[in-house]
Amino acid sequence: WSLASLGRNLTDTVVVRREAQLVTTGAYRWVRHPYYVVAGWLMGSVTLLTGNWLIGVTSLAVLGLLVWRTPLEEAELLARFGHEYEEYCQRTGRFWPRWSMGT
């Protein structure tokens, strides 16, 4: 769902494509990085299901890299989309939804 929502905006780097559009629908309506959230749930689940410490350590390393990458990615998005991205950040959480009484 997350990857389908991004469509042609998806990249494997933090660089934003010149023709990119800011996606704020689908899972991106609630969080700015839903793919990373699902990856974390999946890696945590696999670690618990297998009880394998190597998978757990590797998962933590991958999640650490994603957490490190996120501010770099957001800086690129802010540079590309400016005020529109700032407003989007105010409405949504990075990894966890921001619930408000008016929503």
PDB file of N, CA and C in Angstrom:
ATOM      1  N   TRP A   1       0.841  -1.181   0.000  1.00  0.00           N
ATOM      2  CA  TRP A   1       0.000   0.000   0.000  1.00  0.00           C
ATOM      3  C   TRP A   1       0.882   1.239   0.000  1.00  0.00           C
ATOM      4  N   SER A   2       1.880   1.230   0.860  1.00  0.00           N
ATOM      5  CA  SER A   2       2.806   2.357   0.955  1.00  0.00           C
ATOM      6  C   SER A   2       3.556   2.571  -0.356  1.00  0.00           C
ATOM      7  N   LEU A   3       4.130   1.511  -0.891  1.00  0.00           N
ATOM      8  CA  LEU A   3       4.893   1.619  -2.131  1.00  0.00           C
ATOM      9  C   LEU A   3       3.992   1.971  -3.311  1.00  0.00           C
ATOM     10  N   ALA A   4       2.782   1.424  -3.330  1.00  0.00           N
ATOM     11  CA  ALA A   4       1.843   1.758  -4.394  1.00  0.00           C
ATOM     12  C   ALA A   4       1.449   3.226  -4.326  1.00  0.00           C
ATOM     13  N   SER A   5       1.298   3.764  -3.126  1.00  0.00           N
ATOM     14  CA  SER A   5       0.958   5.177  -2.969  1.00  0.00           C
ATOM     15  C   SER A   5       2.061   6.087  -3.505  1.00  0.00           C
ATOM     16  N   LEU A   6       3.312   5.673  -3.327  1.00  0.00           N
ATOM     17  CA  LEU A   6       4.432   6.489  -3.805  1.00  0.00           C
ATOM     18  C   LEU A   6       4.547   6.479  -5.327  1.00  0.00           C
ATOM     19  N   GLY A   7       4.242   5.347  -5.934  1.00  0.00           N
ATOM     20  CA  GLY A   7       4.323   5.253  -7.389  1.00  0.00           C
ATOM     21  C   GLY A   7       5.696   5.625  -7.912  1.00  0.00           C
ATOM     22  N   ARG A   8       5.757   6.530  -8.877  1.00  0.00           N
ATOM     23  CA  ARG A   8       7.012   6.943  -9.495  1.00  0.00           C
ATOM     24  C   ARG A   8       7.876   7.806  -8.572  1.00  0.00           C
ATOM     25  N   ASN A   9       7.354   8.201  -7.427  1.00  0.00           N
ATOM     26  CA  ASN A   9       8.129   8.993  -6.465  1.00  0.00           C
ATOM     27  C   ASN A   9       9.143   8.142  -5.708  1.00  0.00           C
ATOM     28  N   LEU A  10       8.980   6.839  -5.743  1.00  0.00           N
ATOM     29  CA  LEU A  10       9.846   5.927  -4.988  1.00  0.00           C
ATOM     30  C   LEU A  10      11.272   5.963  -5.515  1.00  0.00           C
ATOM     31  N   THR A  11      12.230   6.133  -4.603  1.00  0.00           N
ATOM     32  CA  THR A  11      13.651   6.058  -4.947  1.00  0.00           C
ATOM     33  C   THR A  11      14.356   5.204  -3.904  1.00  0.00           C
ATOM     34  N   ASP A  12      15.543   4.746  -4.238  1.00  0.00           N
ATOM     35  CA  ASP A  12      16.321   3.984  -3.269  1.00  0.00           C
ATOM     36  C   ASP A  12      17.359   4.864  -2.578  1.00  0.00           C
ATOM     37  N   THR A  13      17.297   6.162  -2.825  1.00  0.00           N
ATOM     38  CA  THR A  13      18.189   7.121  -2.174  1.00  0.00           C
ATOM     39  C   THR A  13      17.337   8.175  -1.486  1.00  0.00           C
ATOM     40  N   VAL A  14      17.986   9.110  -0.806  1.00  0.00           N
ATOM     41  CA  VAL A  14      17.237  10.193  -0.160  1.00  0.00           C
ATOM     42  C   VAL A  14      16.976  11.350  -1.117  1.00  0.00           C
ATOM     43  N   VAL A  15      17.496  11.269  -2.322  1.00  0.00           N
ATOM     44  CA  VAL A  15      17.302  12.329  -3.314  1.00  0.00           C
ATOM     45  C   VAL A  15      15.874  12.291  -3.840  1.00  0.00           C
ATOM     46  N   VAL A  16      15.246  13.460  -3.913  1.00  0.00           N
ATOM     47  CA  VAL A  16      13.873  13.568  -4.403  1.00  0.00           C
ATOM     48  C   VAL A  16      13.918  13.794  -5.913  1.00  0.00           C
ATOM     49  N   ARG A  17      13.159  13.031  -6.652  1.00  0.00           N
ATOM     50  CA  ARG A  17      13.120  13.190  -8.111  1.00  0.00           C
ATOM     51  C   ARG A  17      12.630  14.587  -8.488  1.00  0.00           C
ATOM     52  N   ARG A  18      13.133  15.096  -9.576  1.00  0.00           N
ATOM     53  CA  ARG A  18      12.768  16.434 -10.038  1.00  0.00           C
ATOM     54  C   ARG A  18      11.261  16.542 -10.280  1.00  0.00           C
ATOM     55  N   GLU A  19      10.657  15.485 -10.830  1.00  0.00           N
ATOM     56  CA  GLU A  19       9.227  15.512 -11.156  1.00  0.00           C
ATOM     57  C   GLU A  19       8.352  14.974 -10.015  1.00  0.00           C
ATOM     58  N   ALA A  20       8.915  14.779  -8.849  1.00  0.00           N
ATOM     59  CA  ALA A  20       8.181  14.188  -7.717  1.00  0.00           C
ATOM     60  C   ALA A  20       7.055  15.099  -7.236  1.00  0.00           C
ATOM     61  N   GLN A  21       6.049  14.452  -6.696  1.00  0.00           N
ATOM     62  CA  GLN A  21       4.936  15.149  -6.054  1.00  0.00           C
ATOM     63  C   GLN A  21       4.858  14.668  -4.609  1.00  0.00           C
ATOM     64  N   LEU A  22       4.448  15.557  -3.720  1.00  0.00           N
ATOM     65  CA  LEU A  22       4.320  15.183  -2.307  1.00  0.00           C
ATOM     66  C   LEU A  22       3.102  14.281  -2.138  1.00  0.00           C
ATOM     67  N   VAL A  23       3.310  13.098  -1.595  1.00  0.00           N
ATOM     68  CA  VAL A  23       2.233  12.130  -1.385  1.00  0.00           C
ATOM     69  C   VAL A  23       1.750  12.249   0.052  1.00  0.00           C
ATOM     70  N   THR A  24       0.466  12.560   0.217  1.00  0.00           N
ATOM     71  CA  THR A  24      -0.123  12.706   1.552  1.00  0.00           C
ATOM     72  C   THR A  24      -1.411  11.890   1.676  1.00  0.00           C
ATOM     73  N   THR A  25      -1.563  10.887   0.817  1.00  0.00           N
ATOM     74  CA  THR A  25      -2.756  10.050   0.840  1.00  0.00           C
ATOM     75  C   THR A  25      -2.360   8.617   1.170  1.00  0.00           C
ATOM     76  N   GLY A  26      -3.350   7.767   1.294  1.00  0.00           N
ATOM     77  CA  GLY A  26      -3.086   6.375   1.653  1.00  0.00           C
ATOM     78  C   GLY A  26      -2.504   6.320   3.059  1.00  0.00           C
ATOM     79  N   ALA A  27      -1.528   5.460   3.256  1.00  0.00           N
ATOM     80  CA  ALA A  27      -0.894   5.342   4.572  1.00  0.00           C
ATOM     81  C   ALA A  27      -0.167   6.635   4.959  1.00  0.00           C
ATOM     82  N   TYR A  28       0.220   7.422   3.956  1.00  0.00           N
ATOM     83  CA  TYR A  28       0.923   8.688   4.212  1.00  0.00           C
ATOM     84  C   TYR A  28      -0.006   9.750   4.800  1.00  0.00           C
ATOM     85  N   ARG A  29      -1.263   9.463   4.866  1.00  0.00           N
ATOM     86  CA  ARG A  29      -2.204  10.372   5.517  1.00  0.00           C
ATOM     87  C   ARG A  29      -1.943  10.420   7.028  1.00  0.00           C
ATOM     88  N   TRP A  30      -1.462   9.304   7.585  1.00  0.00           N
ATOM     89  CA  TRP A  30      -1.284   9.196   9.030  1.00  0.00           C
ATOM     90  C   TRP A  30       0.161   9.309   9.495  1.00  0.00           C
ATOM     91  N   VAL A  31       1.096   8.750   8.748  1.00  0.00           N
ATOM     92  CA  VAL A  31       2.513   8.821   9.129  1.00  0.00           C
ATOM     93  C   VAL A  31       3.354   9.140   7.896  1.00  0.00           C
ATOM     94  N   ARG A  32       4.511   9.769   8.130  1.00  0.00           N
ATOM     95  CA  ARG A  32       5.364  10.179   7.018  1.00  0.00           C
ATOM     96  C   ARG A  32       6.217   9.031   6.471  1.00  0.00           C
ATOM     97  N   HIS A  33       6.404   7.973   7.249  1.00  0.00           N
ATOM     98  CA  HIS A  33       7.266   6.866   6.819  1.00  0.00           C
ATOM     99  C   HIS A  33       6.608   5.511   7.108  1.00  0.00           C
ATOM    100  N   PRO A  34       5.459   5.247   6.492  1.00  0.00           N
ATOM    101  CA  PRO A  34       4.767   3.977   6.786  1.00  0.00           C
ATOM    102  C   PRO A  34       5.549   2.741   6.369  1.00  0.00           C
ATOM    103  N   TYR A  35       6.333   2.838   5.324  1.00  0.00           N
ATOM    104  CA  TYR A  35       7.119   1.678   4.892  1.00  0.00           C
ATOM    105  C   TYR A  35       8.115   1.280   5.977  1.00  0.00           C
ATOM    106  N   TYR A  36       8.744   2.250   6.608  1.00  0.00           N
ATOM    107  CA  TYR A  36       9.703   1.968   7.673  1.00  0.00           C
ATOM    108  C   TYR A  36       9.005   1.357   8.885  1.00  0.00           C
ATOM    109  N   VAL A  37       7.800   1.838   9.178  1.00  0.00           N
ATOM    110  CA  VAL A  37       7.036   1.285  10.306  1.00  0.00           C
ATOM    111  C   VAL A  37       6.722  -0.194  10.056  1.00  0.00           C
ATOM    112  N   VAL A  38       6.239  -0.495   8.874  1.00  0.00           N
ATOM    113  CA  VAL A  38       5.903  -1.884   8.540  1.00  0.00           C
ATOM    114  C   VAL A  38       7.162  -2.752   8.524  1.00  0.00           C
ATOM    115  N   ALA A  39       8.262  -2.204   8.008  1.00  0.00           N
ATOM    116  CA  ALA A  39       9.528  -2.957   8.019  1.00  0.00           C
ATOM    117  C   ALA A  39       9.929  -3.286   9.455  1.00  0.00           C
ATOM    118  N   GLY A  40       9.757  -2.340  10.366  1.00  0.00           N
ATOM    119  CA  GLY A  40      10.069  -2.580  11.775  1.00  0.00           C
ATOM    120  C   GLY A  40       9.191  -3.656  12.383  1.00  0.00           C
ATOM    121  N   TRP A  41       7.890  -3.587  12.112  1.00  0.00           N
ATOM    122  CA  TRP A  41       6.976  -4.623  12.612  1.00  0.00           C
ATOM    123  C   TRP A  41       7.353  -5.988  12.059  1.00  0.00           C
ATOM    124  N   LEU A  42       7.652  -6.038  10.772  1.00  0.00           N
ATOM    125  CA  LEU A  42       8.002  -7.309  10.143  1.00  0.00           C
ATOM    126  C   LEU A  42       9.287  -7.886  10.730  1.00  0.00           C
ATOM    127  N   MET A  43      10.320  -7.068  10.845  1.00  0.00           N
ATOM    128  CA  MET A  43      11.585  -7.562  11.397  1.00  0.00           C
ATOM    129  C   MET A  43      11.436  -7.989  12.853  1.00  0.00           C
ATOM    130  N   GLY A  44      10.673  -7.222  13.622  1.00  0.00           N
ATOM    131  CA  GLY A  44      10.433  -7.601  15.015  1.00  0.00           C
ATOM    132  C   GLY A  44       9.666  -8.906  15.119  1.00  0.00           C
ATOM    133  N   SER A  45       8.669  -9.071  14.269  1.00  0.00           N
ATOM    134  CA  SER A  45       7.867 -10.299  14.271  1.00  0.00           C
ATOM    135  C   SER A  45       8.700 -11.512  13.892  1.00  0.00           C
ATOM    136  N   VAL A  46       9.504 -11.376  12.847  1.00  0.00           N
ATOM    137  CA  VAL A  46      10.348 -12.494  12.412  1.00  0.00           C
ATOM    138  C   VAL A  46      11.341 -12.863  13.509  1.00  0.00           C
ATOM    139  N   THR A  47      11.893 -11.848  14.169  1.00  0.00           N
ATOM    140  CA  THR A  47      12.832 -12.116  15.267  1.00  0.00           C
ATOM    141  C   THR A  47      12.147 -12.901  16.379  1.00  0.00           C
ATOM    142  N   LEU A  48      10.948 -12.476  16.768  1.00  0.00           N
ATOM    143  CA  LEU A  48      10.223 -13.177  17.836  1.00  0.00           C
ATOM    144  C   LEU A  48       9.804 -14.578  17.407  1.00  0.00           C
ATOM    145  N   LEU A  49       9.338 -14.719  16.183  1.00  0.00           N
ATOM    146  CA  LEU A  49       8.880 -16.028  15.716  1.00  0.00           C
ATOM    147  C   LEU A  49      10.015 -17.039  15.590  1.00  0.00           C
ATOM    148  N   THR A  50      11.187 -16.569  15.177  1.00  0.00           N
ATOM    149  CA  THR A  50      12.307 -17.495  15.005  1.00  0.00           C
ATOM    150  C   THR A  50      13.115 -17.671  16.282  1.00  0.00           C
ATOM    151  N   GLY A  51      13.079 -16.669  17.154  1.00  0.00           N
ATOM    152  CA  GLY A  51      13.900 -16.713  18.356  1.00  0.00           C
ATOM    153  C   GLY A  51      15.384 -16.713  18.026  1.00  0.00           C
ATOM    154  N   ASN A  52      15.734 -16.146  16.888  1.00  0.00           N
ATOM    155  CA  ASN A  52      17.104 -16.170  16.403  1.00  0.00           C
ATOM    156  C   ASN A  52      17.785 -14.841  16.719  1.00  0.00           C
ATOM    157  N   TRP A  53      18.836 -14.887  17.528  1.00  0.00           N
ATOM    158  CA  TRP A  53      19.509 -13.656  17.945  1.00  0.00           C
ATOM    159  C   TRP A  53      20.205 -12.964  16.774  1.00  0.00           C
ATOM    160  N   LEU A  54      20.691 -13.720  15.793  1.00  0.00           N
ATOM    161  CA  LEU A  54      21.350 -13.114  14.636  1.00  0.00           C
ATOM    162  C   LEU A  54      20.356 -12.296  13.814  1.00  0.00           C
ATOM    163  N   ILE A  55      19.172 -12.834  13.625  1.00  0.00           N
ATOM    164  CA  ILE A  55      18.121 -12.082  12.930  1.00  0.00           C
ATOM    165  C   ILE A  55      17.773 -10.840  13.733  1.00  0.00           C
ATOM    166  N   GLY A  56      17.691 -10.961  15.041  1.00  0.00           N
ATOM    167  CA  GLY A  56      17.380  -9.823  15.899  1.00  0.00           C
ATOM    168  C   GLY A  56      18.428  -8.728  15.810  1.00  0.00           C
ATOM    169  N   VAL A  57      19.699  -9.100  15.880  1.00  0.00           N
ATOM    170  CA  VAL A  57      20.784  -8.115  15.798  1.00  0.00           C
ATOM    171  C   VAL A  57      20.796  -7.449  14.427  1.00  0.00           C
ATOM    172  N   THR A  58      20.626  -8.250  13.390  1.00  0.00           N
ATOM    173  CA  THR A  58      20.593  -7.709  12.030  1.00  0.00           C
ATOM    174  C   THR A  58      19.402  -6.762  11.857  1.00  0.00           C
ATOM    175  N   SER A  59      18.266  -7.140  12.385  1.00  0.00           N
ATOM    176  CA  SER A  59      17.072  -6.290  12.311  1.00  0.00           C
ATOM    177  C   SER A  59      17.303  -4.967  13.014  1.00  0.00           C
ATOM    178  N   LEU A  60      17.909  -5.009  14.193  1.00  0.00           N
ATOM    179  CA  LEU A  60      18.204  -3.763  14.907  1.00  0.00           C
ATOM    180  C   LEU A  60      19.149  -2.866  14.117  1.00  0.00           C
ATOM    181  N   ALA A  61      20.123  -3.474  13.457  1.00  0.00           N
ATOM    182  CA  ALA A  61      21.054  -2.697  12.638  1.00  0.00           C
ATOM    183  C   ALA A  61      20.327  -2.033  11.471  1.00  0.00           C
ATOM    184  N   VAL A  62      19.463  -2.772  10.802  1.00  0.00           N
ATOM    185  CA  VAL A  62      18.708  -2.218   9.680  1.00  0.00           C
ATOM    186  C   VAL A  62      17.787  -1.099  10.157  1.00  0.00           C
ATOM    187  N   LEU A  63      17.099  -1.327  11.262  1.00  0.00           N
ATOM    188  CA  LEU A  63      16.218  -0.288  11.804  1.00  0.00           C
ATOM    189  C   LEU A  63      17.011   0.950  12.218  1.00  0.00           C
ATOM    190  N   GLY A  64      18.185   0.747  12.772  1.00  0.00           N
ATOM    191  CA  GLY A  64      19.049   1.873  13.117  1.00  0.00           C
ATOM    192  C   GLY A  64      19.423   2.693  11.895  1.00  0.00           C
ATOM    193  N   LEU A  65      19.720   2.012  10.802  1.00  0.00           N
ATOM    194  CA  LEU A  65      20.039   2.715   9.553  1.00  0.00           C
ATOM    195  C   LEU A  65      18.832   3.487   9.020  1.00  0.00           C
ATOM    196  N   LEU A  66      17.654   2.915   9.139  1.00  0.00           N
ATOM    197  CA  LEU A  66      16.448   3.624   8.693  1.00  0.00           C
ATOM    198  C   LEU A  66      16.184   4.860   9.547  1.00  0.00           C
ATOM    199  N   VAL A  67      16.388   4.739  10.855  1.00  0.00           N
ATOM    200  CA  VAL A  67      16.202   5.888  11.746  1.00  0.00           C
ATOM    201  C   VAL A  67      17.233   6.970  11.432  1.00  0.00           C
ATOM    202  N   TRP A  68      18.455   6.567  11.108  1.00  0.00           N
ATOM    203  CA  TRP A  68      19.509   7.515  10.744  1.00  0.00           C
ATOM    204  C   TRP A  68      19.187   8.195   9.404  1.00  0.00           C
ATOM    205  N   ARG A  69      18.639   7.443   8.472  1.00  0.00           N
ATOM    206  CA  ARG A  69      18.337   7.952   7.135  1.00  0.00           C
ATOM    207  C   ARG A  69      17.147   8.918   7.125  1.00  0.00           C
ATOM    208  N   THR A  70      16.207   8.733   8.026  1.00  0.00           N
ATOM    209  CA  THR A  70      14.960   9.488   8.007  1.00  0.00           C
ATOM    210  C   THR A  70      15.165  11.005   8.038  1.00  0.00           C
ATOM    211  N   PRO A  71      15.967  11.574   8.947  1.00  0.00           N
ATOM    212  CA  PRO A  71      16.151  13.033   8.927  1.00  0.00           C
ATOM    213  C   PRO A  71      16.801  13.532   7.630  1.00  0.00           C
ATOM    214  N   LEU A  72      17.675  12.743   7.030  1.00  0.00           N
ATOM    215  CA  LEU A  72      18.283  13.120   5.753  1.00  0.00           C
ATOM    216  C   LEU A  72      17.217  13.187   4.662  1.00  0.00           C
ATOM    217  N   GLU A  73      16.361  12.191   4.660  1.00  0.00           N
ATOM    218  CA  GLU A  73      15.271  12.134   3.688  1.00  0.00           C
ATOM    219  C   GLU A  73      14.317  13.309   3.880  1.00  0.00           C
ATOM    220  N   GLU A  74      13.987  13.595   5.136  1.00  0.00           N
ATOM    221  CA  GLU A  74      13.065  14.693   5.410  1.00  0.00           C
ATOM    222  C   GLU A  74      13.670  16.050   5.055  1.00  0.00           C
ATOM    223  N   ALA A  75      14.968  16.211   5.215  1.00  0.00           N
ATOM    224  CA  ALA A  75      15.628  17.463   4.823  1.00  0.00           C
ATOM    225  C   ALA A  75      15.513  17.660   3.315  1.00  0.00           C
ATOM    226  N   GLU A  76      15.665  16.586   2.552  1.00  0.00           N
ATOM    227  CA  GLU A  76      15.515  16.665   1.099  1.00  0.00           C
ATOM    228  C   GLU A  76      14.077  17.025   0.716  1.00  0.00           C
ATOM    229  N   LEU A  77      13.116  16.424   1.393  1.00  0.00           N
ATOM    230  CA  LEU A  77      11.712  16.719   1.110  1.00  0.00           C
ATOM    231  C   LEU A  77      11.368  18.165   1.472  1.00  0.00           C
ATOM    232  N   LEU A  78      11.910  18.635   2.580  1.00  0.00           N
ATOM    233  CA  LEU A  78      11.684  20.022   2.979  1.00  0.00           C
ATOM    234  C   LEU A  78      12.285  20.984   1.954  1.00  0.00           C
ATOM    235  N   ALA A  79      13.479  20.681   1.471  1.00  0.00           N
ATOM    236  CA  ALA A  79      14.116  21.531   0.466  1.00  0.00           C
ATOM    237  C   ALA A  79      13.308  21.542  -0.840  1.00  0.00           C
ATOM    238  N   ARG A  80      12.724  20.416  -1.174  1.00  0.00           N
ATOM    239  CA  ARG A  80      11.977  20.314  -2.437  1.00  0.00           C
ATOM    240  C   ARG A  80      10.572  20.887  -2.348  1.00  0.00           C
ATOM    241  N   PHE A  81       9.867  20.631  -1.229  1.00  0.00           N
ATOM    242  CA  PHE A  81       8.460  21.003  -1.134  1.00  0.00           C
ATOM    243  C   PHE A  81       8.184  22.166  -0.188  1.00  0.00           C
ATOM    244  N   GLY A  82       9.174  22.595   0.583  1.00  0.00           N
ATOM    245  CA  GLY A  82       9.065  23.782   1.425  1.00  0.00           C
ATOM    246  C   GLY A  82       7.904  23.779   2.398  1.00  0.00           C
ATOM    247  N   HIS A  83       7.128  24.866   2.351  1.00  0.00           N
ATOM    248  CA  HIS A  83       6.035  25.083   3.309  1.00  0.00           C
ATOM    249  C   HIS A  83       4.995  23.960   3.261  1.00  0.00           C
ATOM    250  N   GLU A  84       4.747  23.432   2.080  1.00  0.00           N
ATOM    251  CA  GLU A  84       3.783  22.332   1.944  1.00  0.00           C
ATOM    252  C   GLU A  84       4.224  21.124   2.785  1.00  0.00           C
ATOM    253  N   TYR A  85       5.529  20.833   2.775  1.00  0.00           N
ATOM    254  CA  TYR A  85       6.034  19.709   3.571  1.00  0.00           C
ATOM    255  C   TYR A  85       6.007  20.044   5.057  1.00  0.00           C
ATOM    256  N   GLU A  86       6.304  21.285   5.419  1.00  0.00           N
ATOM    257  CA  GLU A  86       6.221  21.702   6.832  1.00  0.00           C
ATOM    258  C   GLU A  86       4.822  21.489   7.371  1.00  0.00           C
ATOM    259  N   GLU A  87       3.809  21.903   6.609  1.00  0.00           N
ATOM    260  CA  GLU A  87       2.419  21.720   7.038  1.00  0.00           C
ATOM    261  C   GLU A  87       2.078  20.237   7.177  1.00  0.00           C
ATOM    262  N   TYR A  88       2.558  19.446   6.242  1.00  0.00           N
ATOM    263  CA  TYR A  88       2.332  18.006   6.295  1.00  0.00           C
ATOM    264  C   TYR A  88       2.954  17.413   7.562  1.00  0.00           C
ATOM    265  N   CYS A  89       4.150  17.859   7.910  1.00  0.00           N
ATOM    266  CA  CYS A  89       4.820  17.379   9.124  1.00  0.00           C
ATOM    267  C   CYS A  89       4.030  17.750  10.381  1.00  0.00           C
ATOM    268  N   GLN A  90       3.390  18.905  10.358  1.00  0.00           N
ATOM    269  CA  GLN A  90       2.584  19.317  11.513  1.00  0.00           C
ATOM    270  C   GLN A  90       1.360  18.427  11.695  1.00  0.00           C
ATOM    271  N   ARG A  91       0.844  17.895  10.597  1.00  0.00           N
ATOM    272  CA  ARG A  91      -0.366  17.057  10.660  1.00  0.00           C
ATOM    273  C   ARG A  91      -0.068  15.592  10.945  1.00  0.00           C
ATOM    274  N   THR A  92       1.127  15.134  10.610  1.00  0.00           N
ATOM    275  CA  THR A  92       1.425  13.712  10.698  1.00  0.00           C
ATOM    276  C   THR A  92       2.653  13.450  11.562  1.00  0.00           C
ATOM    277  N   GLY A  93       2.697  12.282  12.148  1.00  0.00           N
ATOM    278  CA  GLY A  93       3.869  11.879  12.904  1.00  0.00           C
ATOM    279  C   GLY A  93       4.883  11.218  11.990  1.00  0.00           C
ATOM    280  N   ARG A  94       6.102  11.171  12.440  1.00  0.00           N
ATOM    281  CA  ARG A  94       7.165  10.549  11.640  1.00  0.00           C
ATOM    282  C   ARG A  94       6.929   9.045  11.518  1.00  0.00           C
ATOM    283  N   PHE A  95       6.790   8.358  12.658  1.00  0.00           N
ATOM    284  CA  PHE A  95       6.583   6.909  12.661  1.00  0.00           C
ATOM    285  C   PHE A  95       5.285   6.500  13.348  1.00  0.00           C
ATOM    286  N   TRP A  96       4.656   7.424  14.027  1.00  0.00           N
ATOM    287  CA  TRP A  96       3.448   7.136  14.803  1.00  0.00           C
ATOM    288  C   TRP A  96       2.415   8.226  14.508  1.00  0.00           C
ATOM    289  N   PRO A  97       1.158   7.881  14.262  1.00  0.00           N
ATOM    290  CA  PRO A  97       0.157   8.914  13.919  1.00  0.00           C
ATOM    291  C   PRO A  97      -0.013   9.959  15.020  1.00  0.00           C
ATOM    292  N   ARG A  98      -0.324  11.161  14.601  1.00  0.00           N
ATOM    293  CA  ARG A  98      -0.693  12.229  15.543  1.00  0.00           C
ATOM    294  C   ARG A  98      -2.212  12.294  15.541  1.00  0.00           C
ATOM    295  N   TRP A  99      -2.772  11.885  16.635  1.00  0.00           N
ATOM    296  CA  TRP A  99      -4.230  11.906  16.743  1.00  0.00           C
ATOM    297  C   TRP A  99      -4.631  13.198  17.429  1.00  0.00           C
ATOM    298  N   SER A 100      -5.616  13.867  16.854  1.00  0.00           N
ATOM    299  CA  SER A 100      -6.156  15.066  17.496  1.00  0.00           C
ATOM    300  C   SER A 100      -7.677  14.914  17.584  1.00  0.00           C
ATOM    301  N   MET A 101      -8.264  15.647  18.489  1.00  0.00           N
ATOM    302  CA  MET A 101      -9.704  15.537  18.711  1.00  0.00           C
ATOM    303  C   MET A 101     -10.510  16.018  17.502  1.00  0.00           C
ATOM    304  N   GLY A 102      -9.938  16.880  16.696  1.00  0.00           N
ATOM    305  CA  GLY A 102     -10.666  17.421  15.549  1.00  0.00           C
ATOM    306  C   GLY A 102     -10.601  16.535  14.322  1.00  0.00           C
ATOM    307  N   THR A 103      -9.883  15.407  14.389  1.00  0.00           N
ATOM    308  CA  THR A 103      -9.695  14.583  13.193  1.00  0.00           C
ATOM    309  C   THR A 103     -10.586  13.370  13.199  1.00  0.00           C
TER     310      THR A 103
END
